[in-house]
């Protein structure tokens, strides 16, 4: 039985940020950790920017340089 739904190609990017939880002057470790967690939106924004600037734009540039890349890959698959 064949699935009649179209497959949609996708990429998943995952990452993490590491922080030192050293006590800041006048702050406990837990307060420092809470402050770091509260800034999560900045980390997500930075991560999205890095993916967009470094990976997606590089991939788009590479694909635009080789417009027949997908047809070349299909030809190679058929030949095998």
N, C-alpha and C. Protein backbone atom coordinates (compact mmCIF):
# COMPACT_ATOMS: atom_id res chain seq x y z
N UNK A 1 0.84 -1.17 0.00
CA UNK A 1 0.00 0.00 0.00
C UNK A 1 0.89 1.24 0.00
N UNK A 2 0.65 2.16 -0.92
CA UNK A 2 1.47 3.35 -1.05
C UNK A 2 0.84 4.52 -0.30
N UNK A 3 1.70 5.31 0.27
CA UNK A 3 1.26 6.52 0.95
C UNK A 3 1.05 7.60 -0.10
N UNK A 4 -0.17 8.15 -0.19
CA UNK A 4 -0.48 9.14 -1.21
C UNK A 4 -0.11 10.56 -0.80
N UNK A 5 0.32 10.74 0.44
CA UNK A 5 0.75 12.06 0.89
C UNK A 5 2.15 12.34 0.34
N UNK A 6 2.37 13.58 -0.02
CA UNK A 6 3.69 13.97 -0.54
C UNK A 6 4.69 14.08 0.61
N UNK A 7 5.88 13.59 0.35
CA UNK A 7 6.97 13.75 1.32
C UNK A 7 7.53 15.15 1.20
N UNK A 8 7.81 15.75 2.33
CA UNK A 8 8.39 17.09 2.35
C UNK A 8 9.77 16.98 2.99
N UNK A 9 10.82 17.31 2.22
CA UNK A 9 12.16 17.25 2.81
C UNK A 9 12.32 18.32 3.89
N UNK A 10 13.08 17.99 4.91
CA UNK A 10 13.28 18.94 6.00
C UNK A 10 14.63 18.71 6.65
N UNK A 11 15.12 19.73 7.31
CA UNK A 11 16.34 19.65 8.11
C UNK A 11 16.01 20.06 9.53
N UNK A 12 16.65 19.43 10.47
CA UNK A 12 16.49 19.79 11.87
C UNK A 12 17.85 20.26 12.38
N UNK A 13 17.89 21.45 12.91
CA UNK A 13 19.11 21.98 13.50
C UNK A 13 18.95 21.96 15.00
N UNK A 14 19.94 21.45 15.69
CA UNK A 14 19.91 21.40 17.15
C UNK A 14 21.22 21.96 17.67
N UNK A 15 21.16 22.57 18.81
CA UNK A 15 22.37 23.13 19.39
C UNK A 15 22.18 23.38 20.87
N UNK A 16 23.24 23.74 21.51
CA UNK A 16 23.14 24.06 22.93
C UNK A 16 24.16 25.15 23.26
N UNK A 17 23.94 25.79 24.38
CA UNK A 17 24.84 26.82 24.88
C UNK A 17 25.34 26.36 26.25
N UNK A 18 26.61 26.50 26.47
CA UNK A 18 27.19 26.13 27.75
C UNK A 18 27.53 27.39 28.54
N UNK A 19 27.25 27.35 29.82
CA UNK A 19 27.49 28.49 30.68
C UNK A 19 28.22 28.05 31.94
N UNK A 20 29.08 28.90 32.42
CA UNK A 20 29.69 28.70 33.72
C UNK A 20 28.72 29.24 34.76
N UNK A 21 28.45 28.49 35.77
CA UNK A 21 27.53 28.95 36.81
C UNK A 21 28.28 29.46 38.03
N UNK A 22 29.35 30.12 37.78
CA UNK A 22 30.11 30.71 38.88
C UNK A 22 29.29 31.83 39.51
N UNK A 23 29.44 31.96 40.77
CA UNK A 23 28.72 33.02 41.47
C UNK A 23 29.21 34.38 40.99
N UNK A 24 28.26 35.24 40.69
CA UNK A 24 28.60 36.61 40.37
C UNK A 24 28.61 37.38 41.68
N UNK A 25 29.30 38.49 41.68
CA UNK A 25 29.40 39.27 42.91
C UNK A 25 28.00 39.64 43.41
N UNK A 26 27.70 39.25 44.62
CA UNK A 26 26.42 39.56 45.22
C UNK A 26 25.27 38.67 44.79
N UNK A 27 25.56 37.59 44.04
CA UNK A 27 24.52 36.68 43.56
C UNK A 27 24.87 35.25 43.94
N UNK A 28 23.85 34.48 44.27
CA UNK A 28 24.08 33.06 44.53
C UNK A 28 24.10 32.31 43.20
N UNK A 29 24.52 31.05 43.23
CA UNK A 29 24.51 30.22 42.02
C UNK A 29 23.11 30.12 41.44
N UNK A 30 22.11 29.94 42.29
CA UNK A 30 20.74 29.78 41.77
C UNK A 30 20.25 31.07 41.13
N UNK A 31 20.59 32.22 41.70
CA UNK A 31 20.19 33.50 41.10
C UNK A 31 20.89 33.69 39.76
N UNK A 32 22.16 33.30 39.69
CA UNK A 32 22.91 33.40 38.44
C UNK A 32 22.30 32.48 37.38
N UNK A 33 21.91 31.28 37.79
CA UNK A 33 21.30 30.34 36.87
C UNK A 33 19.95 30.86 36.38
N UNK A 34 19.15 31.43 37.27
CA UNK A 34 17.85 31.98 36.88
C UNK A 34 18.02 33.13 35.89
N UNK A 35 19.01 33.95 36.10
CA UNK A 35 19.28 35.06 35.18
C UNK A 35 19.65 34.53 33.80
N UNK A 36 20.47 33.49 33.77
CA UNK A 36 20.87 32.88 32.50
C UNK A 36 19.67 32.29 31.79
N UNK A 37 18.82 31.58 32.52
CA UNK A 37 17.63 30.98 31.92
C UNK A 37 16.68 32.05 31.40
N UNK A 38 16.55 33.14 32.14
CA UNK A 38 15.65 34.22 31.72
C UNK A 38 16.08 34.86 30.40
N UNK A 39 17.31 34.69 30.02
CA UNK A 39 17.81 35.27 28.77
C UNK A 39 17.73 34.29 27.59
N UNK A 40 16.87 33.29 27.68
CA UNK A 40 16.81 32.26 26.65
C UNK A 40 16.45 32.80 25.27
N UNK A 41 15.62 33.86 25.21
CA UNK A 41 15.22 34.40 23.91
C UNK A 41 16.43 34.92 23.12
N UNK A 42 17.38 35.51 23.81
CA UNK A 42 18.59 36.00 23.15
C UNK A 42 19.39 34.84 22.57
N UNK A 43 19.43 33.73 23.31
CA UNK A 43 20.16 32.56 22.82
C UNK A 43 19.49 31.97 21.59
N UNK A 44 18.17 31.88 21.60
CA UNK A 44 17.43 31.34 20.46
C UNK A 44 17.64 32.25 19.24
N UNK A 45 17.58 33.54 19.46
CA UNK A 45 17.78 34.49 18.37
C UNK A 45 19.18 34.36 17.79
N UNK A 46 20.18 34.25 18.64
CA UNK A 46 21.56 34.07 18.18
C UNK A 46 21.71 32.77 17.39
N UNK A 47 21.10 31.70 17.88
CA UNK A 47 21.16 30.40 17.21
C UNK A 47 20.52 30.49 15.82
N UNK A 48 19.35 31.11 15.73
CA UNK A 48 18.67 31.25 14.44
C UNK A 48 19.50 32.09 13.47
N UNK A 49 20.11 33.13 13.98
CA UNK A 49 20.95 33.99 13.15
C UNK A 49 22.14 33.21 12.60
N UNK A 50 22.79 32.43 13.46
CA UNK A 50 23.95 31.64 13.03
C UNK A 50 23.56 30.63 11.96
N UNK A 51 22.43 29.95 12.15
CA UNK A 51 21.95 28.98 11.15
C UNK A 51 21.68 29.69 9.84
N UNK A 52 20.99 30.80 9.90
CA UNK A 52 20.63 31.54 8.69
C UNK A 52 21.87 32.07 7.97
N UNK A 53 22.75 32.72 8.71
CA UNK A 53 23.92 33.35 8.11
C UNK A 53 24.95 32.33 7.62
N UNK A 54 25.21 31.31 8.42
CA UNK A 54 26.33 30.42 8.13
C UNK A 54 25.96 29.17 7.35
N UNK A 55 24.79 28.65 7.55
CA UNK A 55 24.46 27.38 6.91
C UNK A 55 23.52 27.57 5.73
N UNK A 56 22.40 28.22 5.96
CA UNK A 56 21.40 28.34 4.90
C UNK A 56 21.92 29.18 3.74
N UNK A 57 22.52 30.32 4.02
CA UNK A 57 23.03 31.16 2.93
C UNK A 57 24.16 30.47 2.18
N UNK A 58 25.01 29.73 2.88
CA UNK A 58 26.08 28.98 2.22
C UNK A 58 25.50 27.90 1.31
N UNK A 59 24.49 27.20 1.80
CA UNK A 59 23.85 26.15 1.00
C UNK A 59 23.15 26.74 -0.22
N UNK A 60 22.45 27.85 -0.03
CA UNK A 60 21.78 28.50 -1.16
C UNK A 60 22.79 28.96 -2.21
N UNK A 61 23.91 29.51 -1.77
CA UNK A 61 24.94 29.95 -2.70
C UNK A 61 25.51 28.77 -3.48
N UNK A 62 25.74 27.67 -2.78
CA UNK A 62 26.28 26.48 -3.44
C UNK A 62 25.29 25.92 -4.46
N UNK A 63 24.01 25.92 -4.12
CA UNK A 63 23.00 25.41 -5.04
C UNK A 63 22.83 26.33 -6.25
N UNK A 64 22.94 27.63 -6.04
CA UNK A 64 22.79 28.55 -7.16
C UNK A 64 23.97 28.46 -8.12
N UNK A 65 25.13 28.06 -7.61
CA UNK A 65 26.30 27.87 -8.46
C UNK A 65 26.17 26.63 -9.32
N UNK A 66 25.40 25.65 -8.83
CA UNK A 66 25.21 24.39 -9.55
C UNK A 66 23.72 24.14 -9.70
N UNK A 67 23.06 24.81 -10.64
CA UNK A 67 21.61 24.68 -10.76
C UNK A 67 21.14 23.28 -11.17
N UNK A 68 21.99 22.50 -11.76
CA UNK A 68 21.59 21.16 -12.19
C UNK A 68 22.02 20.09 -11.21
N UNK A 69 22.34 20.48 -9.97
CA UNK A 69 22.84 19.53 -8.99
C UNK A 69 21.84 18.42 -8.72
N UNK A 70 20.57 18.74 -8.55
CA UNK A 70 19.59 17.70 -8.24
C UNK A 70 19.42 16.75 -9.42
N UNK A 71 19.46 17.23 -10.64
CA UNK A 71 19.35 16.33 -11.79
C UNK A 71 20.60 15.47 -11.90
N UNK A 72 21.76 16.00 -11.55
CA UNK A 72 22.99 15.21 -11.55
C UNK A 72 22.90 14.08 -10.53
N UNK A 73 22.37 14.40 -9.35
CA UNK A 73 22.23 13.38 -8.31
C UNK A 73 21.26 12.29 -8.74
N UNK A 74 20.16 12.67 -9.37
CA UNK A 74 19.19 11.69 -9.84
C UNK A 74 19.81 10.79 -10.90
N UNK A 75 20.62 11.37 -11.79
CA UNK A 75 21.29 10.60 -12.82
C UNK A 75 22.24 9.60 -12.20
N UNK A 76 22.97 10.01 -11.16
CA UNK A 76 23.89 9.11 -10.47
C UNK A 76 23.15 7.98 -9.80
N UNK A 77 21.99 8.26 -9.20
CA UNK A 77 21.21 7.21 -8.53
C UNK A 77 20.74 6.17 -9.54
N UNK A 78 20.28 6.63 -10.71
CA UNK A 78 19.79 5.73 -11.74
C UNK A 78 20.92 4.88 -12.27
N UNK A 79 22.11 5.46 -12.41
CA UNK A 79 23.25 4.75 -12.95
C UNK A 79 23.73 3.63 -12.02
N UNK A 80 23.48 3.76 -10.74
CA UNK A 80 23.97 2.76 -9.77
C UNK A 80 23.14 1.55 -9.79
